[in-house]
Amino acid sequence: FTLSLPSIVMLSTSTRSESSDAYSRSTSEPIRLIWHRHDLRLHDNELYSDLNNEIDNPVQVSKSIENVVITQSSTRCVSLFVFDTTYFKPRPSIASAFYDTVWTGPHAARVLIDAVSDLRNNLASIGGKLLVRVGDPTIIVPQIAQEIGATEIFYNEEPGTYENEVSRKVKECYMGNKKCKIETKVGYTLNHPNDLPSDSNEWNQLAHPKDKNKQRRTKNNHVNASLNNSQVLSERESSFVDVSANRFKGMSKIMGDFRKAARNSANVRKPLPAPSRLETPDILMNNGIAFGTIPSLENLIEP
């Protein structure tokens, strides 16, 4: 790609006017852009948990689902999936100089294409729409948000250096933006990151509750623990879920200790129901925004 991130952020005058028009038309109704990454499902997906517009008694439902409050919402939504070309780009293999490798090979790509196709059909059955694009998500996600006049962008955080970098770049595009907010979730782990211990002392105490030596804290440990706790609390109160390496510093390195600590600190959250009906914003049809074609395997994988 020849366009840099700063060039995308510094929009042209015409793009600014189109974007402002889109936002002015959407002021009467919140519009959510749901960016799917590897969470290609509607069931047990927190990105849709408050969009279940046919819930008769939201208070009763919210009591049955642990840690997640489901309420009726007037928010209209547009879903998006981006086939990130980085995953299909050949790169030199570390095993041999004679071979190239890819992050997503032909077998995984075939399954991915089928999953995206199923997601599009499932969304269409309840009134939703899935836009499909191919390219760099750090460029495409802000572009689509501008086109539909999104007031909020929801997506799931994912582990991995590259995945964290993509998330960081998307967030940077909206730093200080009062017209559109970003909120991230996590839906791929057995235990939610916010439910796990926040510092090494807590990990050790939960992994070895009978070991008194593990429970002794020095003055410095008290200070570090309080700092870590305040950081985790602020993270829980914010709209982002922290899955960075810094968040899990001090985590038990032995599998048995990790399992004990996780069991003693967190319960597995109950699955969320799939939405029964979704509302699509009028701007999607009025502006003639293309839904996009799901690429073929041949188009994704280079020979």
C-alpha atoms as a PDB file:
ATOM      1  CA  PHE A   1       0.000   0.000   0.000  1.00  0.00           C
ATOM      2  CA  THR A   2       1.300   3.420  -0.929  1.00  0.00           C
ATOM      3  CA  LEU A   3      -0.939   5.291   1.518  1.00  0.00           C
ATOM      4  CA  SER A   4       0.527   5.839   4.958  1.00  0.00           C
ATOM      5  CA  LEU A   5      -1.503   6.008   8.159  1.00  0.00           C
ATOM      6  CA  PRO A   6      -0.974   9.789   8.563  1.00  0.00           C
ATOM      7  CA  SER A   7      -2.259  10.320   5.021  1.00  0.00           C
ATOM      8  CA  ILE A   8      -5.443   8.453   5.878  1.00  0.00           C
ATOM      9  CA  VAL A   9      -5.954  10.396   9.083  1.00  0.00           C
ATOM     10  CA  MET A  10      -5.373  13.724   7.302  1.00  0.00           C
ATOM     11  CA  LEU A  11      -8.436  13.507   5.101  1.00  0.00           C
ATOM     12  CA  SER A  12      -9.012  15.656   2.046  1.00  0.00           C
ATOM     13  CA  THR A  13     -11.544  18.486   2.129  1.00  0.00           C
ATOM     14  CA  SER A  14     -14.084  16.529   0.090  1.00  0.00           C
ATOM     15  CA  THR A  15     -13.775  13.476   2.306  1.00  0.00           C
ATOM     16  CA  ARG A  16     -14.212  15.667   5.370  1.00  0.00           C
ATOM     17  CA  SER A  17     -17.434  17.106   4.002  1.00  0.00           C
ATOM     18  CA  GLU A  18     -18.820  13.671   3.104  1.00  0.00           C
ATOM     19  CA  SER A  19     -17.866  12.377   6.531  1.00  0.00           C
ATOM     20  CA  SER A  20     -19.437  15.339   8.321  1.00  0.00           C
ATOM     21  CA  ASP A  21     -22.628  14.913   6.280  1.00  0.00           C
ATOM     22  CA  ALA A  22     -22.754  11.272   7.239  1.00  0.00           C
ATOM     23  CA  TYR A  23     -22.286  12.117  10.898  1.00  0.00           C
ATOM     24  CA  SER A  24     -24.940  14.842  10.783  1.00  0.00           C
ATOM     25  CA  ARG A  25     -27.435  12.381   9.316  1.00  0.00           C
ATOM     26  CA  SER A  26     -26.607   9.832  12.002  1.00  0.00           C
ATOM     27  CA  THR A  27     -26.931  12.124  15.003  1.00  0.00           C
ATOM     28  CA  SER A  28     -30.524  11.039  15.530  1.00  0.00           C
ATOM     29  CA  GLU A  29     -29.572   7.368  15.643  1.00  0.00           C
ATOM     30  CA  PRO A  30     -26.429   5.708  17.006  1.00  0.00           C
ATOM     31  CA  ILE A  31     -24.654   3.619  14.372  1.00  0.00           C
ATOM     32  CA  ARG A  32     -22.275   0.872  15.405  1.00  0.00           C
ATOM     33  CA  LEU A  33     -19.620  -0.584  13.141  1.00  0.00           C
ATOM     34  CA  ILE A  34     -18.874  -4.143  14.287  1.00  0.00           C
ATOM     35  CA  TRP A  35     -15.487  -5.240  12.996  1.00  0.00           C
ATOM     36  CA  HIS A  36     -15.188  -9.032  12.965  1.00  0.00           C
ATOM     37  CA  ARG A  37     -11.713 -10.462  13.212  1.00  0.00           C
ATOM     38  CA  HIS A  38     -11.588 -14.180  14.132  1.00  0.00           C
ATOM     39  CA  ASP A  39     -14.902 -14.063  15.997  1.00  0.00           C
ATOM     40  CA  LEU A  40     -17.055 -15.118  13.066  1.00  0.00           C
ATOM     41  CA  ARG A  41     -20.192 -15.939  15.034  1.00  0.00           C
ATOM     42  CA  LEU A  42     -23.312 -14.339  16.487  1.00  0.00           C
ATOM     43  CA  HIS A  43     -23.802 -16.684  19.433  1.00  0.00           C
ATOM     44  CA  ASP A  44     -21.774 -15.787  22.533  1.00  0.00           C
ATOM     45  CA  ASN A  45     -20.420 -12.633  20.916  1.00  0.00           C
ATOM     46  CA  GLU A  46     -20.400  -9.597  23.227  1.00  0.00           C
ATOM     47  CA  LEU A  47     -20.218  -7.251  20.241  1.00  0.00           C
ATOM     48  CA  TYR A  48     -23.928  -7.941  19.706  1.00  0.00           C
ATOM     49  CA  SER A  49     -24.994  -8.557  23.308  1.00  0.00           C
ATOM     50  CA  ASP A  50     -26.896  -5.270  23.718  1.00  0.00           C
ATOM     51  CA  LEU A  51     -28.405  -5.280  20.222  1.00  0.00           C
ATOM     52  CA  ASN A  52     -30.966  -7.998  20.927  1.00  0.00           C
ATOM     53  CA  ASN A  53     -33.947  -5.836  20.026  1.00  0.00           C
ATOM     54  CA  GLU A  54     -36.605  -8.471  20.621  1.00  0.00           C
ATOM     55  CA  ILE A  55     -35.852  -9.163  24.303  1.00  0.00           C
ATOM     56  CA  ASP A  56     -39.145  -8.765  26.159  1.00  0.00           C
ATOM     57  CA  ASN A  57     -37.662  -8.450  29.635  1.00  0.00           C
ATOM     58  CA  PRO A  58     -34.042  -7.209  29.495  1.00  0.00           C
ATOM     59  CA  VAL A  59     -33.741  -6.967  33.281  1.00  0.00           C
ATOM     60  CA  GLN A  60     -34.615 -10.626  33.694  1.00  0.00           C
ATOM     61  CA  VAL A  61     -32.173 -11.648  30.994  1.00  0.00           C
ATOM     62  CA  SER A  62     -29.349  -9.559  32.455  1.00  0.00           C
ATOM     63  CA  LYS A  63     -29.622 -11.430  35.759  1.00  0.00           C
ATOM     64  CA  SER A  64     -29.144 -14.755  34.019  1.00  0.00           C
ATOM     65  CA  ILE A  65     -25.911 -13.784  32.286  1.00  0.00           C
ATOM     66  CA  GLU A  66     -22.940 -13.318  34.566  1.00  0.00           C
ATOM     67  CA  ASN A  67     -20.904 -10.092  34.362  1.00  0.00           C
ATOM     68  CA  VAL A  68     -22.696  -8.891  31.222  1.00  0.00           C
ATOM     69  CA  VAL A  69     -25.766  -6.661  31.239  1.00  0.00           C
ATOM     70  CA  ILE A  70     -28.025  -7.032  28.236  1.00  0.00           C
ATOM     71  CA  THR A  71     -30.483  -4.222  27.565  1.00  0.00           C
ATOM     72  CA  GLN A  72     -32.601  -3.187  24.672  1.00  0.00           C
ATOM     73  CA  SER A  73     -30.824  -0.846  22.288  1.00  0.00           C
ATOM     74  CA  SER A  74     -31.921   1.542  19.545  1.00  0.00           C
ATOM     75  CA  THR A  75     -28.453   1.332  17.991  1.00  0.00           C
ATOM     76  CA  ARG A  76     -28.302   0.357  14.343  1.00  0.00           C
ATOM     77  CA  CYS A  77     -25.313  -1.683  13.240  1.00  0.00           C
ATOM     78  CA  VAL A  78     -23.218  -2.624  10.248  1.00  0.00           C
ATOM     79  CA  SER A  79     -20.869  -5.594  10.400  1.00  0.00           C
ATOM     80  CA  LEU A  80     -17.507  -5.709   8.639  1.00  0.00           C
ATOM     81  CA  PHE A  81     -14.909  -8.355   7.872  1.00  0.00           C
ATOM     82  CA  VAL A  82     -11.560  -7.552   6.297  1.00  0.00           C
ATOM     83  CA  PHE A  83      -9.474 -10.216   4.624  1.00  0.00           C
ATOM     84  CA  ASP A  84      -6.136  -8.919   5.866  1.00  0.00           C
ATOM     85  CA  THR A  85      -3.645  -9.495   3.046  1.00  0.00           C
ATOM     86  CA  THR A  86      -0.794  -9.733   5.574  1.00  0.00           C
ATOM     87  CA  TYR A  87      -2.017 -13.201   6.578  1.00  0.00           C
ATOM     88  CA  PHE A  88      -1.774 -14.465   2.996  1.00  0.00           C
ATOM     89  CA  LYS A  89       1.496 -12.788   2.017  1.00  0.00           C
ATOM     90  CA  PRO A  90       4.391 -15.234   1.462  1.00  0.00           C
ATOM     91  CA  ARG A  91       7.403 -14.646   3.675  1.00  0.00           C
ATOM     92  CA  PRO A  92      10.770 -16.457   3.969  1.00  0.00           C
ATOM     93  CA  SER A  93      10.633 -19.596   6.070  1.00  0.00           C
ATOM     94  CA  ILE A  94      12.886 -19.789   9.123  1.00  0.00           C
ATOM     95  CA  ALA A  95      13.272 -23.508   8.501  1.00  0.00           C
ATOM     96  CA  SER A  96      14.703 -23.315   5.005  1.00  0.00           C
ATOM     97  CA  ALA A  97      15.832 -20.610   2.614  1.00  0.00           C
ATOM     98  CA  PHE A  98      14.289 -22.561  -0.286  1.00  0.00           C
ATOM     99  CA  TYR A  99      10.712 -22.245   0.956  1.00  0.00           C
ATOM    100  CA  ASP A 100       8.250 -19.485   1.758  1.00  0.00           C
ATOM    101  CA  THR A 101       5.520 -19.646   4.356  1.00  0.00           C
ATOM    102  CA  VAL A 102       2.241 -17.847   5.067  1.00  0.00           C
ATOM    103  CA  TRP A 103       0.282 -17.236   8.253  1.00  0.00           C
ATOM    104  CA  THR A 104      -2.888 -18.552   6.628  1.00  0.00           C
ATOM    105  CA  GLY A 105      -2.426 -21.388   4.155  1.00  0.00           C
ATOM    106  CA  PRO A 106      -4.913 -22.761   1.588  1.00  0.00           C
ATOM    107  CA  HIS A 107      -6.658 -25.164   3.978  1.00  0.00           C
ATOM    108  CA  ALA A 108      -7.220 -22.527   6.682  1.00  0.00           C
ATOM    109  CA  ALA A 109      -8.186 -19.974   4.018  1.00  0.00           C
ATOM    110  CA  ARG A 110     -10.872 -22.300   2.657  1.00  0.00           C
ATOM    111  CA  VAL A 111     -12.381 -22.679   6.139  1.00  0.00           C
ATOM    112  CA  LEU A 112     -12.182 -18.894   6.637  1.00  0.00           C
ATOM    113  CA  ILE A 113     -14.050 -18.213   3.395  1.00  0.00           C
ATOM    114  CA  ASP A 114     -16.801 -20.651   4.391  1.00  0.00           C
ATOM    115  CA  ALA A 115     -17.064 -19.063   7.860  1.00  0.00           C
ATOM    116  CA  VAL A 116     -17.392 -15.549   6.429  1.00  0.00           C
ATOM    117  CA  SER A 117     -20.042 -16.778   3.990  1.00  0.00           C
ATOM    118  CA  ASP A 118     -22.004 -18.401   6.844  1.00  0.00           C
ATOM    119  CA  LEU A 119     -21.727 -15.231   8.937  1.00  0.00           C
ATOM    120  CA  ARG A 120     -23.096 -13.126   6.078  1.00  0.00           C
ATOM    121  CA  ASN A 121     -26.056 -15.501   5.661  1.00  0.00           C
ATOM    122  CA  ASN A 122     -26.737 -15.612   9.409  1.00  0.00           C
ATOM    123  CA  LEU A 123     -26.701 -11.817   9.640  1.00  0.00           C
ATOM    124  CA  ALA A 124     -28.998 -11.476   6.628  1.00  0.00           C
ATOM    125  CA  SER A 125     -31.519 -13.839   8.254  1.00  0.00           C
ATOM    126  CA  ILE A 126     -32.021 -11.398  11.162  1.00  0.00           C
ATOM    127  CA  GLY A 127     -31.832  -8.153   9.219  1.00  0.00           C
ATOM    128  CA  GLY A 128     -28.091  -7.504   9.458  1.00  0.00           C
ATOM    129  CA  LYS A 129     -25.551  -6.757   6.744  1.00  0.00           C
ATOM    130  CA  LEU A 130     -21.925  -7.867   6.444  1.00  0.00           C
ATOM    131  CA  LEU A 131     -19.533  -5.736   4.438  1.00  0.00           C
ATOM    132  CA  VAL A 132     -16.495  -7.594   3.074  1.00  0.00           C
ATOM    133  CA  ARG A 133     -13.242  -5.965   2.078  1.00  0.00           C
ATOM    134  CA  VAL A 134      -9.721  -7.114   1.172  1.00  0.00           C
ATOM    135  CA  GLY A 135      -6.668  -5.151   2.285  1.00  0.00           C
ATOM    136  CA  ASP A 136      -5.230  -3.412   5.331  1.00  0.00           C
ATOM    137  CA  PRO A 137      -7.736  -3.165   8.236  1.00  0.00           C
ATOM    138  CA  THR A 138      -5.954  -0.132   9.702  1.00  0.00           C
ATOM    139  CA  ILE A 139      -7.001   1.747   6.551  1.00  0.00           C
ATOM    140  CA  ILE A 140     -10.294   0.036   5.727  1.00  0.00           C
ATOM    141  CA  VAL A 141     -11.928   0.173   9.178  1.00  0.00           C
ATOM    142  CA  PRO A 142     -11.673   4.009   9.472  1.00  0.00           C
ATOM    143  CA  GLN A 143     -12.821   4.378   5.858  1.00  0.00           C
ATOM    144  CA  ILE A 144     -15.956   2.284   6.365  1.00  0.00           C
ATOM    145  CA  ALA A 145     -16.684   4.071   9.644  1.00  0.00           C
ATOM    146  CA  GLN A 146     -16.630   7.393   7.795  1.00  0.00           C
ATOM    147  CA  GLU A 147     -18.810   6.121   4.959  1.00  0.00           C
ATOM    148  CA  ILE A 148     -21.603   4.872   7.220  1.00  0.00           C
ATOM    149  CA  GLY A 149     -21.326   7.718   9.745  1.00  0.00           C
ATOM    150  CA  ALA A 150     -20.470   5.361  12.606  1.00  0.00           C
ATOM    151  CA  THR A 151     -20.762   6.763  16.105  1.00  0.00           C
ATOM    152  CA  GLU A 152     -19.026   3.755  17.668  1.00  0.00           C
ATOM    153  CA  ILE A 153     -16.707   0.949  16.601  1.00  0.00           C
ATOM    154  CA  PHE A 154     -16.778  -2.394  18.401  1.00  0.00           C
ATOM    155  CA  TYR A 155     -14.313  -5.241  17.939  1.00  0.00           C
ATOM    156  CA  ASN A 156     -12.607  -8.033  19.854  1.00  0.00           C
ATOM    157  CA  GLU A 157      -8.990  -7.788  20.944  1.00  0.00           C
ATOM    158  CA  GLU A 158      -6.768 -10.670  19.833  1.00  0.00           C
ATOM    159  CA  PRO A 159      -3.460 -12.027  21.114  1.00  0.00           C
ATOM    160  CA  GLY A 160      -0.297 -11.642  19.083  1.00  0.00           C
ATOM    161  CA  THR A 161       2.215  -8.917  18.310  1.00  0.00           C
ATOM    162  CA  TYR A 162       0.803  -8.099  14.887  1.00  0.00           C
ATOM    163  CA  GLU A 163      -2.807  -8.229  16.075  1.00  0.00           C
ATOM    164  CA  ASN A 164      -2.050  -5.823  18.948  1.00  0.00           C
ATOM    165  CA  GLU A 165      -0.290  -3.467  16.543  1.00  0.00           C
ATOM    166  CA  VAL A 166      -3.308  -3.413  14.217  1.00  0.00           C
ATOM    167  CA  SER A 167      -5.598  -2.664  17.168  1.00  0.00           C
ATOM    168  CA  ARG A 168      -3.296   0.130  18.349  1.00  0.00           C
ATOM    169  CA  LYS A 169      -3.255   1.807  14.919  1.00  0.00           C
ATOM    170  CA  VAL A 170      -7.038   1.735  14.643  1.00  0.00           C
ATOM    171  CA  LYS A 171      -7.374   3.277  18.111  1.00  0.00           C
ATOM    172  CA  GLU A 172      -4.874   6.013  17.204  1.00  0.00           C
ATOM    173  CA  CYS A 173      -7.129   7.128  14.352  1.00  0.00           C
ATOM    174  CA  TYR A 174      -9.812   8.038  16.899  1.00  0.00           C
ATOM    175  CA  MET A 175      -7.782   9.549  19.716  1.00  0.00           C
ATOM    176  CA  GLY A 176      -9.644  12.680  20.789  1.00  0.00           C
ATOM    177  CA  ASN A 177     -12.491  11.989  18.368  1.00  0.00           C
ATOM    178  CA  LYS A 178     -15.771  12.927  20.069  1.00  0.00           C
ATOM    179  CA  LYS A 179     -17.974  11.847  17.163  1.00  0.00           C
ATOM    180  CA  CYS A 180     -16.957   8.193  17.188  1.00  0.00           C
ATOM    181  CA  LYS A 181     -15.823   6.052  20.109  1.00  0.00           C
ATOM    182  CA  ILE A 182     -14.053   2.689  20.143  1.00  0.00           C
ATOM    183  CA  GLU A 183     -14.913  -0.148  22.502  1.00  0.00           C
ATOM    184  CA  THR A 184     -13.096  -3.475  22.574  1.00  0.00           C
ATOM    185  CA  LYS A 185     -14.112  -6.847  23.972  1.00  0.00           C
ATOM    186  CA  VAL A 186     -12.578 -10.295  24.385  1.00  0.00           C
ATOM    187  CA  GLY A 187     -14.395 -13.418  23.285  1.00  0.00           C
ATOM    188  CA  TYR A 188     -11.793 -16.108  22.618  1.00  0.00           C
ATOM    189  CA  THR A 189     -10.627 -17.153  26.107  1.00  0.00           C
ATOM    190  CA  LEU A 190     -12.133 -19.476  28.701  1.00  0.00           C
ATOM    191  CA  ASN A 191     -11.563 -16.835  31.400  1.00  0.00           C
ATOM    192  CA  HIS A 192     -11.994 -13.148  30.691  1.00  0.00           C
ATOM    193  CA  PRO A 193      -8.679 -11.235  31.142  1.00  0.00           C
ATOM    194  CA  ASN A 194     -10.344  -8.724  33.496  1.00  0.00           C
ATOM    195  CA  ASP A 195     -11.335 -11.560  35.832  1.00  0.00           C
ATOM    196  CA  LEU A 196      -7.762 -12.847  36.285  1.00  0.00           C
ATOM    197  CA  PRO A 197      -5.195 -11.762  38.918  1.00  0.00           C
ATOM    198  CA  SER A 198      -3.553  -8.389  38.433  1.00  0.00           C
ATOM    199  CA  ASP A 199      -0.037  -8.843  39.881  1.00  0.00           C
ATOM    200  CA  SER A 200       2.564 -11.526  40.700  1.00  0.00           C
ATOM    201  CA  ASN A 201       1.713 -11.624  44.414  1.00  0.00           C
ATOM    202  CA  GLU A 202      -1.921 -12.355  43.667  1.00  0.00           C
ATOM    203  CA  TRP A 203      -0.959 -15.051  41.168  1.00  0.00           C
ATOM    204  CA  ASN A 204       1.331 -16.709  43.739  1.00  0.00           C
ATOM    205  CA  GLN A 205      -1.186 -16.514  46.570  1.00  0.00           C
ATOM    206  CA  LEU A 206      -3.935 -18.055  44.506  1.00  0.00           C
ATOM    207  CA  ALA A 207      -1.663 -20.767  43.127  1.00  0.00           C
ATOM    208  CA  HIS A 208      -0.194 -21.612  46.576  1.00  0.00           C
ATOM    209  CA  PRO A 209      -2.797 -20.573  49.183  1.00  0.00           C
ATOM    210  CA  LYS A 210      -1.143 -22.668  51.940  1.00  0.00           C
ATOM    211  CA  ASP A 211       2.394 -21.448  51.319  1.00  0.00           C
ATOM    212  CA  LYS A 212       2.949 -18.628  53.833  1.00  0.00           C
ATOM    213  CA  ASN A 213       6.287 -17.658  52.298  1.00  0.00           C
ATOM    214  CA  LYS A 214       4.534 -16.881  49.027  1.00  0.00           C
ATOM    215  CA  GLN A 215       2.131 -14.576  50.854  1.00  0.00           C
ATOM    216  CA  ARG A 216       4.789 -12.352  52.419  1.00  0.00           C
ATOM    217  CA  ARG A 217       5.078  -8.978  50.792  1.00  0.00           C
ATOM    218  CA  THR A 218       7.851  -6.473  51.036  1.00  0.00           C
ATOM    219  CA  LYS A 219       7.234  -2.749  51.060  1.00  0.00           C
ATOM    220  CA  ASN A 220       8.088  -2.554  47.366  1.00  0.00           C
ATOM    221  CA  ASN A 221       5.682  -5.361  46.547  1.00  0.00           C
ATOM    222  CA  HIS A 222       2.908  -3.438  48.294  1.00  0.00           C
ATOM    223  CA  VAL A 223       3.596  -0.414  46.132  1.00  0.00           C
ATOM    224  CA  ASN A 224       3.847  -2.420  42.897  1.00  0.00           C
ATOM    225  CA  ALA A 225       0.697  -4.354  43.678  1.00  0.00           C
ATOM    226  CA  SER A 226      -1.314  -1.221  44.363  1.00  0.00           C
ATOM    227  CA  LEU A 227      -0.100   0.327  41.117  1.00  0.00           C
ATOM    228  CA  ASN A 228      -0.970  -2.765  39.135  1.00  0.00           C
ATOM    229  CA  ASN A 229      -4.370  -2.999  40.780  1.00  0.00           C
ATOM    230  CA  SER A 230      -5.163   0.619  39.970  1.00  0.00           C
ATOM    231  CA  GLN A 231      -4.135   0.041  36.350  1.00  0.00           C
ATOM    232  CA  VAL A 232      -6.372  -3.000  36.053  1.00  0.00           C
ATOM    233  CA  LEU A 233      -9.285  -1.187  37.681  1.00  0.00           C
ATOM    234  CA  SER A 234      -8.922   1.741  35.326  1.00  0.00           C
ATOM    235  CA  GLU A 235      -8.777  -0.706  32.431  1.00  0.00           C
ATOM    236  CA  ARG A 236     -11.980  -2.375  33.585  1.00  0.00           C
ATOM    237  CA  GLU A 237     -13.693   0.996  33.801  1.00  0.00           C
ATOM    238  CA  SER A 238     -12.478   2.060  30.354  1.00  0.00           C
ATOM    239  CA  SER A 239     -13.802   0.902  26.995  1.00  0.00           C
ATOM    240  CA  PHE A 240     -10.676  -1.136  26.166  1.00  0.00           C
ATOM    241  CA  VAL A 241      -9.700  -4.624  27.314  1.00  0.00           C
ATOM    242  CA  ASP A 242      -5.944  -4.916  27.872  1.00  0.00           C
ATOM    243  CA  VAL A 243      -4.439  -8.131  26.462  1.00  0.00           C
ATOM    244  CA  SER A 244      -0.876  -6.822  26.169  1.00  0.00           C
ATOM    245  CA  ALA A 245       2.138  -8.575  27.670  1.00  0.00           C
ATOM    246  CA  ASN A 246       2.414  -5.888  30.361  1.00  0.00           C
ATOM    247  CA  ARG A 247      -1.037  -6.767  31.659  1.00  0.00           C
ATOM    248  CA  PHE A 248       0.087 -10.334  32.456  1.00  0.00           C
ATOM    249  CA  LYS A 249       3.487  -9.640  33.979  1.00  0.00           C
ATOM    250  CA  GLY A 250       3.950 -11.887  36.991  1.00  0.00           C
ATOM    251  CA  MET A 251       1.581 -14.522  35.662  1.00  0.00           C
ATOM    252  CA  SER A 252       2.398 -18.080  36.740  1.00  0.00           C
ATOM    253  CA  LYS A 253       4.767 -19.692  34.252  1.00  0.00           C
ATOM    254  CA  ILE A 254       3.953 -23.231  35.374  1.00  0.00           C
ATOM    255  CA  MET A 255       0.757 -24.587  33.864  1.00  0.00           C
ATOM    256  CA  GLY A 256      -0.400 -26.178  37.110  1.00  0.00           C
ATOM    257  CA  ASP A 257       0.050 -22.929  39.051  1.00  0.00           C
ATOM    258  CA  PHE A 258      -1.735 -20.954  36.356  1.00  0.00           C
ATOM    259  CA  ARG A 259      -4.669 -23.368  36.396  1.00  0.00           C
ATOM    260  CA  LYS A 260      -5.010 -23.186  40.192  1.00  0.00           C
ATOM    261  CA  ALA A 261      -4.820 -19.400  40.239  1.00  0.00           C
ATOM    262  CA  ALA A 262      -7.308 -19.030  37.393  1.00  0.00           C
ATOM    263  CA  ARG A 263      -9.767 -21.405  39.045  1.00  0.00           C
ATOM    264  CA  ASN A 264      -9.489 -19.601  42.378  1.00  0.00           C
ATOM    265  CA  SER A 265      -9.866 -16.103  40.923  1.00  0.00           C
ATOM    266  CA  ALA A 266     -12.373 -16.329  38.091  1.00  0.00           C
ATOM    267  CA  ASN A 267     -15.478 -18.175  37.005  1.00  0.00           C
ATOM    268  CA  VAL A 268     -16.165 -18.982  33.381  1.00  0.00           C
ATOM    269  CA  ARG A 269     -18.675 -16.467  32.131  1.00  0.00           C
ATOM    270  CA  LYS A 270     -21.930 -17.854  30.820  1.00  0.00           C
ATOM    271  CA  PRO A 271     -22.475 -17.809  27.030  1.00  0.00           C
ATOM    272  CA  LEU A 272     -24.417 -14.952  25.510  1.00  0.00           C
ATOM    273  CA  PRO A 273     -27.448 -15.493  23.281  1.00  0.00           C
ATOM    274  CA  ALA A 274     -27.330 -14.603  19.616  1.00  0.00           C
ATOM    275  CA  PRO A 275     -29.317 -11.515  18.607  1.00  0.00           C
ATOM    276  CA  SER A 276     -32.759 -12.283  17.195  1.00  0.00           C
ATOM    277  CA  ARG A 277     -33.106  -9.098  15.148  1.00  0.00           C
ATOM    278  CA  LEU A 278     -30.773  -6.334  13.975  1.00  0.00           C
ATOM    279  CA  GLU A 279     -31.451  -2.882  12.584  1.00  0.00           C
ATOM    280  CA  THR A 280     -29.438  -1.589   9.614  1.00  0.00           C
ATOM    281  CA  PRO A 281     -28.909   2.189   9.178  1.00  0.00           C
ATOM    282  CA  ASP A 282     -30.613   3.824   6.202  1.00  0.00           C
ATOM    283  CA  ILE A 283     -27.346   5.445   5.142  1.00  0.00           C
ATOM    284  CA  LEU A 284     -26.051   2.030   4.054  1.00  0.00           C
ATOM    285  CA  MET A 285     -28.662   1.840   1.300  1.00  0.00           C
ATOM    286  CA  ASN A 286     -29.067   5.545   0.565  1.00  0.00           C
ATOM    287  CA  ASN A 287     -25.368   6.061  -0.165  1.00  0.00           C
ATOM    288  CA  GLY A 288     -25.076   2.894  -2.265  1.00  0.00           C
ATOM    289  CA  ILE A 289     -22.231   1.478  -0.167  1.00  0.00           C
ATOM    290  CA  ALA A 290     -21.044  -1.784  -1.741  1.00  0.00           C
ATOM    291  CA  PHE A 291     -21.402  -4.882   0.403  1.00  0.00           C
ATOM    292  CA  GLY A 292     -18.316  -6.408  -1.173  1.00  0.00           C
ATOM    293  CA  THR A 293     -17.686  -9.843  -2.663  1.00  0.00           C
ATOM    294  CA  ILE A 294     -16.156 -12.683  -0.673  1.00  0.00           C
ATOM    295  CA  PRO A 295     -12.886 -13.483  -2.472  1.00  0.00           C
ATOM    296  CA  SER A 296     -12.157 -16.907  -3.884  1.00  0.00           C
ATOM    297  CA  LEU A 297      -9.351 -19.101  -2.629  1.00  0.00           C
ATOM    298  CA  GLU A 298      -7.373 -18.398  -5.810  1.00  0.00           C
ATOM    299  CA  ASN A 299      -7.596 -14.655  -5.213  1.00  0.00           C
ATOM    300  CA  LEU A 300      -6.326 -14.937  -1.636  1.00  0.00           C
ATOM    301  CA  ILE A 301      -3.506 -17.446  -2.073  1.00  0.00           C
ATOM    302  CA  GLU A 302      -0.694 -16.716  -4.457  1.00  0.00           C
ATOM    303  CA  PRO A 303       0.395 -19.722  -6.559  1.00  0.00           C
END
